[in-house]
């Protein structure tokens, strides 16, 4: 029984150490201090939208290259328009 407890305690300490070492890097990635407006802003939303847009464009190119149906291509184009609209809304909200 004591071996199980020691194992559990050592794994908890190891997991806690890993979480504490990664937390500052994650916080730095998602939040940014805006000097001009003296406030914190979240940058991850815009970055995520840009990655989604790149993925959607790759999917559209793939579908066009492999002669997908018109419906599939229309859905891909609608997804791209939606993501672009979200990006414009995020940029407008940041101003």
PDB file of N, CA and C in Angstrom:
ATOM      1  N   UNK A   1       0.810  -1.193   0.000  1.00  0.00           N
ATOM      2  CA  UNK A   1       0.000   0.000   0.000  1.00  0.00           C
ATOM      3  C   UNK A   1       0.855   1.259   0.000  1.00  0.00           C
ATOM      4  N   UNK A   2       1.960   1.253   0.731  1.00  0.00           N
ATOM      5  CA  UNK A   2       2.810   2.437   0.814  1.00  0.00           C
ATOM      6  C   UNK A   2       3.491   2.730  -0.528  1.00  0.00           C
ATOM      7  N   UNK A   3       3.743   1.696  -1.314  1.00  0.00           N
ATOM      8  CA  UNK A   3       4.350   1.895  -2.632  1.00  0.00           C
ATOM      9  C   UNK A   3       3.367   2.630  -3.542  1.00  0.00           C
ATOM     10  N   UNK A   4       2.089   2.279  -3.442  1.00  0.00           N
ATOM     11  CA  UNK A   4       1.074   2.961  -4.251  1.00  0.00           C
ATOM     12  C   UNK A   4       0.955   4.428  -3.851  1.00  0.00           C
ATOM     13  N   UNK A   5       1.006   4.697  -2.571  1.00  0.00           N
ATOM     14  CA  UNK A   5       0.898   6.075  -2.093  1.00  0.00           C
ATOM     15  C   UNK A   5       2.117   6.880  -2.538  1.00  0.00           C
ATOM     16  N   UNK A   6       3.306   6.299  -2.421  1.00  0.00           N
ATOM     17  CA  UNK A   6       4.515   6.989  -2.857  1.00  0.00           C
ATOM     18  C   UNK A   6       4.476   7.256  -4.356  1.00  0.00           C
ATOM     19  N   UNK A   7       4.018   6.286  -5.097  1.00  0.00           N
ATOM     20  CA  UNK A   7       3.911   6.449  -6.546  1.00  0.00           C
ATOM     21  C   UNK A   7       2.916   7.552  -6.896  1.00  0.00           C
ATOM     22  N   UNK A   8       1.781   7.556  -6.231  1.00  0.00           N
ATOM     23  CA  UNK A   8       0.769   8.582  -6.463  1.00  0.00           C
ATOM     24  C   UNK A   8       1.294   9.970  -6.111  1.00  0.00           C
ATOM     25  N   UNK A   9       1.978  10.090  -4.997  1.00  0.00           N
ATOM     26  CA  UNK A   9       2.513  11.386  -4.562  1.00  0.00           C
ATOM     27  C   UNK A   9       3.600  11.878  -5.521  1.00  0.00           C
ATOM     28  N   UNK A  10       4.469  10.992  -5.951  1.00  0.00           N
ATOM     29  CA  UNK A  10       5.537  11.422  -6.855  1.00  0.00           C
ATOM     30  C   UNK A  10       4.974  11.823  -8.220  1.00  0.00           C
ATOM     31  N   UNK A  11       3.963  11.108  -8.695  1.00  0.00           N
ATOM     32  CA  UNK A  11       3.357  11.490  -9.973  1.00  0.00           C
ATOM     33  C   UNK A  11       2.597  12.807  -9.841  1.00  0.00           C
ATOM     34  N   UNK A  12       1.982  13.068  -8.695  1.00  0.00           N
ATOM     35  CA  UNK A  12       1.289  14.343  -8.475  1.00  0.00           C
ATOM     36  C   UNK A  12       2.293  15.496  -8.455  1.00  0.00           C
ATOM     37  N   UNK A  13       3.426  15.308  -7.815  1.00  0.00           N
ATOM     38  CA  UNK A  13       4.457  16.349  -7.785  1.00  0.00           C
ATOM     39  C   UNK A  13       4.996  16.593  -9.189  1.00  0.00           C
ATOM     40  N   UNK A  14       5.240  15.534  -9.932  1.00  0.00           N
ATOM     41  CA  UNK A  14       5.744  15.671 -11.300  1.00  0.00           C
ATOM     42  C   UNK A  14       4.727  16.398 -12.182  1.00  0.00           C
ATOM     43  N   UNK A  15       3.471  16.023 -12.090  1.00  0.00           N
ATOM     44  CA  UNK A  15       2.434  16.678 -12.886  1.00  0.00           C
ATOM     45  C   UNK A  15       2.305  18.154 -12.505  1.00  0.00           C
ATOM     46  N   UNK A  16       2.354  18.461 -11.230  1.00  0.00           N
ATOM     47  CA  UNK A  16       2.286  19.845 -10.786  1.00  0.00           C
ATOM     48  C   UNK A  16       3.447  20.668 -11.300  1.00  0.00           C
ATOM     49  N   UNK A  17       4.626  20.093 -11.303  1.00  0.00           N
ATOM     50  CA  UNK A  17       5.804  20.781 -11.814  1.00  0.00           C
ATOM     51  C   UNK A  17       5.660  21.071 -13.306  1.00  0.00           C
ATOM     52  N   UNK A  18       5.181  20.111 -14.050  1.00  0.00           N
ATOM     53  CA  UNK A  18       4.988  20.310 -15.484  1.00  0.00           C
ATOM     54  C   UNK A  18       3.945  21.387 -15.764  1.00  0.00           C
ATOM     55  N   UNK A  19       2.856  21.370 -15.020  1.00  0.00           N
ATOM     56  CA  UNK A  19       1.809  22.372 -15.216  1.00  0.00           C
ATOM     57  C   UNK A  19       2.342  23.766 -14.905  1.00  0.00           C
ATOM     58  N   UNK A  20       3.086  23.902 -13.827  1.00  0.00           N
ATOM     59  CA  UNK A  20       3.620  25.215 -13.455  1.00  0.00           C
ATOM     60  C   UNK A  20       4.668  25.717 -14.436  1.00  0.00           C
ATOM     61  N   UNK A  21       5.387  24.831 -15.076  1.00  0.00           N
ATOM     62  CA  UNK A  21       6.398  25.269 -16.029  1.00  0.00           C
ATOM     63  C   UNK A  21       5.788  25.700 -17.359  1.00  0.00           C
ATOM     64  N   UNK A  22       4.628  25.177 -17.705  1.00  0.00           N
ATOM     65  CA  UNK A  22       3.989  25.491 -18.978  1.00  0.00           C
ATOM     66  C   UNK A  22       3.031  26.679 -18.853  1.00  0.00           C
ATOM     67  N   UNK A  23       2.475  26.927 -17.698  1.00  0.00           N
ATOM     68  CA  UNK A  23       1.458  27.961 -17.511  1.00  0.00           C
ATOM     69  C   UNK A  23       1.913  29.360 -17.935  1.00  0.00           C
ATOM     70  N   UNK A  24       3.101  29.839 -17.558  1.00  0.00           N
ATOM     71  CA  UNK A  24       3.488  31.189 -17.982  1.00  0.00           C
ATOM     72  C   UNK A  24       3.611  31.331 -19.499  1.00  0.00           C
ATOM     73  N   UNK A  25       4.092  30.308 -20.167  1.00  0.00           N
ATOM     74  CA  UNK A  25       4.211  30.375 -21.623  1.00  0.00           C
ATOM     75  C   UNK A  25       2.848  30.455 -22.275  1.00  0.00           C
ATOM     76  N   UNK A  26       1.880  29.727 -21.755  1.00  0.00           N
ATOM     77  CA  UNK A  26       0.534  29.779 -22.314  1.00  0.00           C
ATOM     78  C   UNK A  26      -0.103  31.132 -22.054  1.00  0.00           C
ATOM     79  N   UNK A  27       0.086  31.679 -20.895  1.00  0.00           N
ATOM     80  CA  UNK A  27      -0.497  32.988 -20.575  1.00  0.00           C
ATOM     81  C   UNK A  27       0.114  34.066 -21.461  1.00  0.00           C
ATOM     82  N   UNK A  28       1.385  33.982 -21.715  1.00  0.00           N
ATOM     83  CA  UNK A  28       2.053  34.972 -22.546  1.00  0.00           C
ATOM     84  C   UNK A  28       1.541  34.916 -23.981  1.00  0.00           C
ATOM     85  N   UNK A  29       1.174  33.741 -24.436  1.00  0.00           N
ATOM     86  CA  UNK A  29       0.691  33.581 -25.794  1.00  0.00           C
ATOM     87  C   UNK A  29      -0.707  34.158 -25.973  1.00  0.00           C
ATOM     88  N   UNK A  30      -1.553  34.023 -24.987  1.00  0.00           N
ATOM     89  CA  UNK A  30      -2.945  34.403 -25.153  1.00  0.00           C
ATOM     90  C   UNK A  30      -3.254  35.843 -24.787  1.00  0.00           C
ATOM     91  N   UNK A  31      -2.492  36.438 -23.906  1.00  0.00           N
ATOM     92  CA  UNK A  31      -2.812  37.782 -23.435  1.00  0.00           C
ATOM     93  C   UNK A  31      -1.681  38.734 -23.771  1.00  0.00           C
ATOM     94  N   UNK A  32      -2.040  39.970 -24.100  1.00  0.00           N
ATOM     95  CA  UNK A  32      -1.052  40.970 -24.491  1.00  0.00           C
ATOM     96  C   UNK A  32      -1.442  42.306 -23.882  1.00  0.00           C
ATOM     97  N   UNK A  33      -0.478  42.995 -23.266  1.00  0.00           N
ATOM     98  CA  UNK A  33      -0.744  44.297 -22.655  1.00  0.00           C
ATOM     99  C   UNK A  33      -0.729  45.357 -23.737  1.00  0.00           C
ATOM    100  N   UNK A  34      -1.811  46.080 -23.870  1.00  0.00           N
ATOM    101  CA  UNK A  34      -1.957  47.148 -24.847  1.00  0.00           C
ATOM    102  C   UNK A  34      -1.483  48.446 -24.188  1.00  0.00           C
ATOM    103  N   UNK A  35      -0.285  48.913 -24.519  1.00  0.00           N
ATOM    104  CA  UNK A  35       0.287  50.103 -23.883  1.00  0.00           C
ATOM    105  C   UNK A  35      -0.523  51.354 -24.186  1.00  0.00           C
ATOM    106  N   UNK A  36      -1.010  51.481 -25.413  1.00  0.00           N
ATOM    107  CA  UNK A  36      -1.707  52.718 -25.781  1.00  0.00           C
ATOM    108  C   UNK A  36      -3.037  52.869 -25.058  1.00  0.00           C
ATOM    109  N   UNK A  37      -3.704  51.753 -24.789  1.00  0.00           N
ATOM    110  CA  UNK A  37      -5.015  51.815 -24.147  1.00  0.00           C
ATOM    111  C   UNK A  37      -4.979  51.361 -22.690  1.00  0.00           C
ATOM    112  N   UNK A  38      -3.809  50.956 -22.207  1.00  0.00           N
ATOM    113  CA  UNK A  38      -3.629  50.518 -20.816  1.00  0.00           C
ATOM    114  C   UNK A  38      -4.635  49.437 -20.422  1.00  0.00           C
ATOM    115  N   UNK A  39      -4.668  48.378 -21.204  1.00  0.00           N
ATOM    116  CA  UNK A  39      -5.563  47.262 -20.900  1.00  0.00           C
ATOM    117  C   UNK A  39      -4.976  45.986 -21.498  1.00  0.00           C
ATOM    118  N   UNK A  40      -5.478  44.854 -21.018  1.00  0.00           N
ATOM    119  CA  UNK A  40      -5.081  43.557 -21.553  1.00  0.00           C
ATOM    120  C   UNK A  40      -6.019  43.190 -22.683  1.00  0.00           C
ATOM    121  N   UNK A  41      -5.490  42.580 -23.717  1.00  0.00           N
ATOM    122  CA  UNK A  41      -6.345  42.095 -24.799  1.00  0.00           C
ATOM    123  C   UNK A  41      -5.985  40.649 -25.109  1.00  0.00           C
ATOM    124  N   UNK A  42      -6.950  39.936 -25.613  1.00  0.00           N
ATOM    125  CA  UNK A  42      -6.769  38.524 -25.933  1.00  0.00           C
ATOM    126  C   UNK A  42      -6.385  38.409 -27.400  1.00  0.00           C
ATOM    127  N   UNK A  43      -5.192  37.859 -27.664  1.00  0.00           N
ATOM    128  CA  UNK A  43      -4.702  37.735 -29.033  1.00  0.00           C
ATOM    129  C   UNK A  43      -5.001  36.387 -29.651  1.00  0.00           C
ATOM    130  N   UNK A  44      -5.318  35.409 -28.860  1.00  0.00           N
ATOM    131  CA  UNK A  44      -5.450  34.046 -29.367  1.00  0.00           C
ATOM    132  C   UNK A  44      -6.636  33.899 -30.309  1.00  0.00           C
ATOM    133  N   UNK A  45      -7.699  34.669 -30.102  1.00  0.00           N
ATOM    134  CA  UNK A  45      -8.872  34.532 -30.963  1.00  0.00           C
ATOM    135  C   UNK A  45      -8.533  34.858 -32.407  1.00  0.00           C
ATOM    136  N   UNK A  46      -7.858  35.960 -32.629  1.00  0.00           N
ATOM    137  CA  UNK A  46      -7.504  36.366 -33.984  1.00  0.00           C
ATOM    138  C   UNK A  46      -6.528  35.375 -34.610  1.00  0.00           C
ATOM    139  N   UNK A  47      -5.550  34.932 -33.842  1.00  0.00           N
ATOM    140  CA  UNK A  47      -4.579  33.961 -34.352  1.00  0.00           C
ATOM    141  C   UNK A  47      -5.265  32.646 -34.716  1.00  0.00           C
ATOM    142  N   UNK A  48      -6.202  32.230 -33.885  1.00  0.00           N
ATOM    143  CA  UNK A  48      -6.945  31.004 -34.154  1.00  0.00           C
ATOM    144  C   UNK A  48      -7.780  31.147 -35.423  1.00  0.00           C
ATOM    145  N   UNK A  49      -8.416  32.305 -35.588  1.00  0.00           N
ATOM    146  CA  UNK A  49      -9.216  32.532 -36.791  1.00  0.00           C
ATOM    147  C   UNK A  49      -8.351  32.496 -38.044  1.00  0.00           C
ATOM    148  N   UNK A  50      -7.152  33.050 -37.953  1.00  0.00           N
ATOM    149  CA  UNK A  50      -6.262  33.050 -39.124  1.00  0.00           C
ATOM    150  C   UNK A  50      -5.813  31.632 -39.469  1.00  0.00           C
ATOM    151  N   UNK A  51      -5.565  30.808 -38.451  1.00  0.00           N
ATOM    152  CA  UNK A  51      -5.222  29.405 -38.727  1.00  0.00           C
ATOM    153  C   UNK A  51      -6.404  28.676 -39.354  1.00  0.00           C
ATOM    154  N   UNK A  52      -7.610  28.944 -38.845  1.00  0.00           N
ATOM    155  CA  UNK A  52      -8.809  28.323 -39.411  1.00  0.00           C
ATOM    156  C   UNK A  52      -9.011  28.747 -40.862  1.00  0.00           C
ATOM    157  N   UNK A  53      -8.744  30.025 -41.160  1.00  0.00           N
ATOM    158  CA  UNK A  53      -8.881  30.516 -42.524  1.00  0.00           C
ATOM    159  C   UNK A  53      -7.897  29.821 -43.459  1.00  0.00           C
ATOM    160  N   UNK A  54      -6.663  29.665 -43.021  1.00  0.00           N
ATOM    161  CA  UNK A  54      -5.669  28.976 -43.844  1.00  0.00           C
ATOM    162  C   UNK A  54      -6.083  27.524 -44.085  1.00  0.00           C
ATOM    163  N   UNK A  55      -6.596  26.875 -43.041  1.00  0.00           N
ATOM    164  CA  UNK A  55      -7.070  25.490 -43.189  1.00  0.00           C
ATOM    165  C   UNK A  55      -8.242  25.409 -44.158  1.00  0.00           C
ATOM    166  N   UNK A  56      -9.168  26.338 -44.061  1.00  0.00           N
ATOM    167  CA  UNK A  56     -10.341  26.338 -44.948  1.00  0.00           C
ATOM    168  C   UNK A  56      -9.918  26.566 -46.398  1.00  0.00           C
ATOM    169  N   UNK A  57      -8.948  27.442 -46.616  1.00  0.00           N
ATOM    170  CA  UNK A  57      -8.467  27.674 -47.985  1.00  0.00           C
ATOM    171  C   UNK A  57      -7.758  26.446 -48.538  1.00  0.00           C
ATOM    172  N   UNK A  58      -6.978  25.762 -47.683  1.00  0.00           N
ATOM    173  CA  UNK A  58      -6.336  24.508 -48.132  1.00  0.00           C
ATOM    174  C   UNK A  58      -7.388  23.464 -48.508  1.00  0.00           C
ATOM    175  N   UNK A  59      -8.441  23.381 -47.702  1.00  0.00           N
ATOM    176  CA  UNK A  59      -9.498  22.415 -47.987  1.00  0.00           C
ATOM    177  C   UNK A  59     -10.197  22.745 -49.306  1.00  0.00           C
ATOM    178  N   UNK A  60     -10.448  24.028 -49.544  1.00  0.00           N
ATOM    179  CA  UNK A  60     -11.079  24.442 -50.808  1.00  0.00           C
ATOM    180  C   UNK A  60     -10.178  24.090 -51.983  1.00  0.00           C
ATOM    181  N   UNK A  61      -8.885  24.363 -51.880  1.00  0.00           N
ATOM    182  CA  UNK A  61      -7.952  24.012 -52.956  1.00  0.00           C
ATOM    183  C   UNK A  61      -7.935  22.507 -53.196  1.00  0.00           C
ATOM    184  N   UNK A  62      -7.945  21.742 -52.109  1.00  0.00           N
ATOM    185  CA  UNK A  62      -7.951  20.283 -52.233  1.00  0.00           C
ATOM    186  C   UNK A  62      -9.229  19.809 -52.941  1.00  0.00           C
ATOM    187  N   UNK A  63     -10.365  20.352 -52.500  1.00  0.00           N
ATOM    188  CA  UNK A  63     -11.632  19.932 -53.102  1.00  0.00           C
ATOM    189  C   UNK A  63     -11.708  20.305 -54.580  1.00  0.00           C
ATOM    190  N   UNK A  64     -11.195  21.478 -54.929  1.00  0.00           N
ATOM    191  CA  UNK A  64     -11.189  21.865 -56.345  1.00  0.00           C
ATOM    192  C   UNK A  64     -10.259  20.973 -57.157  1.00  0.00           C
ATOM    193  N   UNK A  65      -9.108  20.647 -56.606  1.00  0.00           N
ATOM    194  CA  UNK A  65      -8.147  19.806 -57.319  1.00  0.00           C
ATOM    195  C   UNK A  65      -8.668  18.387 -57.515  1.00  0.00           C
ATOM    196  N   UNK A  66      -9.491  17.917 -56.582  1.00  0.00           N
ATOM    197  CA  UNK A  66     -10.010  16.554 -56.671  1.00  0.00           C
ATOM    198  C   UNK A  66     -11.446  16.504 -57.176  1.00  0.00           C
ATOM    199  N   UNK A  67     -11.879  17.578 -57.807  1.00  0.00           N
ATOM    200  CA  UNK A  67     -13.186  17.660 -58.451  1.00  0.00           C
ATOM    201  C   UNK A  67     -14.342  17.260 -57.526  1.00  0.00           C
ATOM    202  N   UNK A  68     -14.415  17.940 -56.394  1.00  0.00           N
ATOM    203  CA  UNK A  68     -15.515  17.694 -55.458  1.00  0.00           C
ATOM    204  C   UNK A  68     -16.801  18.275 -56.041  1.00  0.00           C
ATOM    205  N   UNK A  69     -17.906  17.926 -55.435  1.00  0.00           N
ATOM    206  CA  UNK A  69     -19.199  18.406 -55.937  1.00  0.00           C
ATOM    207  C   UNK A  69     -19.323  19.915 -55.742  1.00  0.00           C
ATOM    208  N   UNK A  70     -20.226  20.515 -56.512  1.00  0.00           N
ATOM    209  CA  UNK A  70     -20.449  21.962 -56.387  1.00  0.00           C
ATOM    210  C   UNK A  70     -20.929  22.328 -54.992  1.00  0.00           C
ATOM    211  N   UNK A  71     -21.689  21.441 -54.397  1.00  0.00           N
ATOM    212  CA  UNK A  71     -22.203  21.693 -53.045  1.00  0.00           C
ATOM    213  C   UNK A  71     -21.057  21.764 -52.032  1.00  0.00           C
ATOM    214  N   UNK A  72     -20.115  20.840 -52.138  1.00  0.00           N
ATOM    215  CA  UNK A  72     -18.970  20.831 -51.223  1.00  0.00           C
ATOM    216  C   UNK A  72     -18.123  22.087 -51.395  1.00  0.00           C
ATOM    217  N   UNK A  73     -17.897  22.484 -52.633  1.00  0.00           N
ATOM    218  CA  UNK A  73     -17.110  23.692 -52.894  1.00  0.00           C
ATOM    219  C   UNK A  73     -17.842  24.927 -52.377  1.00  0.00           C
ATOM    220  N   UNK A  74     -19.165  24.968 -52.555  1.00  0.00           N
ATOM    221  CA  UNK A  74     -19.949  26.094 -52.039  1.00  0.00           C
ATOM    222  C   UNK A  74     -19.883  26.155 -50.515  1.00  0.00           C
ATOM    223  N   UNK A  75     -19.908  24.995 -49.854  1.00  0.00           N
ATOM    224  CA  UNK A  75     -19.783  24.963 -48.390  1.00  0.00           C
ATOM    225  C   UNK A  75     -18.409  25.467 -47.944  1.00  0.00           C
ATOM    226  N   UNK A  76     -17.360  25.065 -48.684  1.00  0.00           N
ATOM    227  CA  UNK A  76     -16.005  25.539 -48.367  1.00  0.00           C
ATOM    228  C   UNK A  76     -15.915  27.055 -48.521  1.00  0.00           C
ATOM    229  N   UNK A  77     -16.481  27.579 -49.605  1.00  0.00           N
ATOM    230  CA  UNK A  77     -16.452  29.027 -49.827  1.00  0.00           C
ATOM    231  C   UNK A  77     -17.256  29.767 -48.764  1.00  0.00           C
ATOM    232  N   UNK A  78     -18.376  29.210 -48.334  1.00  0.00           N
ATOM    233  CA  UNK A  78     -19.185  29.835 -47.284  1.00  0.00           C
ATOM    234  C   UNK A  78     -18.421  29.840 -45.958  1.00  0.00           C
ATOM    235  N   UNK A  79     -17.699  28.767 -45.688  1.00  0.00           N
ATOM    236  CA  UNK A  79     -16.892  28.706 -44.458  1.00  0.00           C
ATOM    237  C   UNK A  79     -15.805  29.774 -44.479  1.00  0.00           C
ATOM    238  N   UNK A  80     -15.165  29.957 -45.628  1.00  0.00           N
ATOM    239  CA  UNK A  80     -14.127  30.985 -45.755  1.00  0.00           C
ATOM    240  C   UNK A  80     -14.723  32.368 -45.529  1.00  0.00           C
ATOM    241  N   UNK A  81     -15.889  32.634 -46.121  1.00  0.00           N
ATOM    242  CA  UNK A  81     -16.542  33.937 -45.917  1.00  0.00           C
ATOM    243  C   UNK A  81     -16.887  34.165 -44.450  1.00  0.00           C
ATOM    244  N   UNK A  82     -17.366  33.129 -43.776  1.00  0.00           N
ATOM    245  CA  UNK A  82     -17.711  33.255 -42.354  1.00  0.00           C
ATOM    246  C   UNK A  82     -16.472  33.576 -41.508  1.00  0.00           C
ATOM    247  N   UNK A  83     -15.381  32.887 -41.780  1.00  0.00           N
ATOM    248  CA  UNK A  83     -14.155  33.119 -41.015  1.00  0.00           C
ATOM    249  C   UNK A  83     -13.622  34.523 -41.293  1.00  0.00           C
ATOM    250  N   UNK A  84     -13.653  34.944 -42.556  1.00  0.00           N
ATOM    251  CA  UNK A  84     -13.199  36.302 -42.881  1.00  0.00           C
ATOM    252  C   UNK A  84     -14.064  37.347 -42.176  1.00  0.00           C
ATOM    253  N   UNK A  85     -15.366  37.095 -42.099  1.00  0.00           N
ATOM    254  CA  UNK A  85     -16.270  38.013 -41.393  1.00  0.00           C
ATOM    255  C   UNK A  85     -15.923  38.051 -39.898  1.00  0.00           C
ATOM    256  N   UNK A  86     -15.604  36.907 -39.319  1.00  0.00           N
ATOM    257  CA  UNK A  86     -15.203  36.863 -37.907  1.00  0.00           C
ATOM    258  C   UNK A  86     -13.905  37.643 -37.672  1.00  0.00           C
ATOM    259  N   UNK A  87     -12.957  37.505 -38.596  1.00  0.00           N
ATOM    260  CA  UNK A  87     -11.690  38.225 -38.467  1.00  0.00           C
ATOM    261  C   UNK A  87     -11.934  39.727 -38.534  1.00  0.00           C
ATOM    262  N   UNK A  88     -12.754  40.154 -39.496  1.00  0.00           N
ATOM    263  CA  UNK A  88     -13.057  41.595 -39.589  1.00  0.00           C
ATOM    264  C   UNK A  88     -13.738  42.090 -38.323  1.00  0.00           C
ATOM    265  N   UNK A  89     -14.636  41.310 -37.766  1.00  0.00           N
ATOM    266  CA  UNK A  89     -15.332  41.705 -36.531  1.00  0.00           C
ATOM    267  C   UNK A  89     -14.359  41.784 -35.357  1.00  0.00           C
ATOM    268  N   UNK A  90     -13.421  40.838 -35.266  1.00  0.00           N
ATOM    269  CA  UNK A  90     -12.415  40.866 -34.194  1.00  0.00           C
ATOM    270  C   UNK A  90     -11.510  42.087 -34.319  1.00  0.00           C
ATOM    271  N   UNK A  91     -11.072  42.391 -35.541  1.00  0.00           N
ATOM    272  CA  UNK A  91     -10.202  43.551 -35.755  1.00  0.00           C
ATOM    273  C   UNK A  91     -10.957  44.828 -35.426  1.00  0.00           C
ATOM    274  N   UNK A  92     -12.208  44.895 -35.836  1.00  0.00           N
ATOM    275  CA  UNK A  92     -13.021  46.083 -35.546  1.00  0.00           C
ATOM    276  C   UNK A  92     -13.258  46.235 -34.049  1.00  0.00           C
ATOM    277  N   UNK A  93     -13.457  45.136 -33.346  1.00  0.00           N
ATOM    278  CA  UNK A  93     -13.691  45.188 -31.906  1.00  0.00           C
ATOM    279  C   UNK A  93     -12.439  45.613 -31.149  1.00  0.00           C
ATOM    280  N   UNK A  94     -11.261  45.323 -31.695  1.00  0.00           N
ATOM    281  CA  UNK A  94     -10.018  45.695 -31.024  1.00  0.00           C
ATOM    282  C   UNK A  94      -9.724  47.181 -31.135  1.00  0.00           C
ATOM    283  N   UNK A  95     -10.308  47.850 -32.126  1.00  0.00           N
ATOM    284  CA  UNK A  95     -10.050  49.281 -32.302  1.00  0.00           C
ATOM    285  C   UNK A  95     -10.816  50.110 -31.366  1.00  0.00           C
TER     286      UNK A  95
END
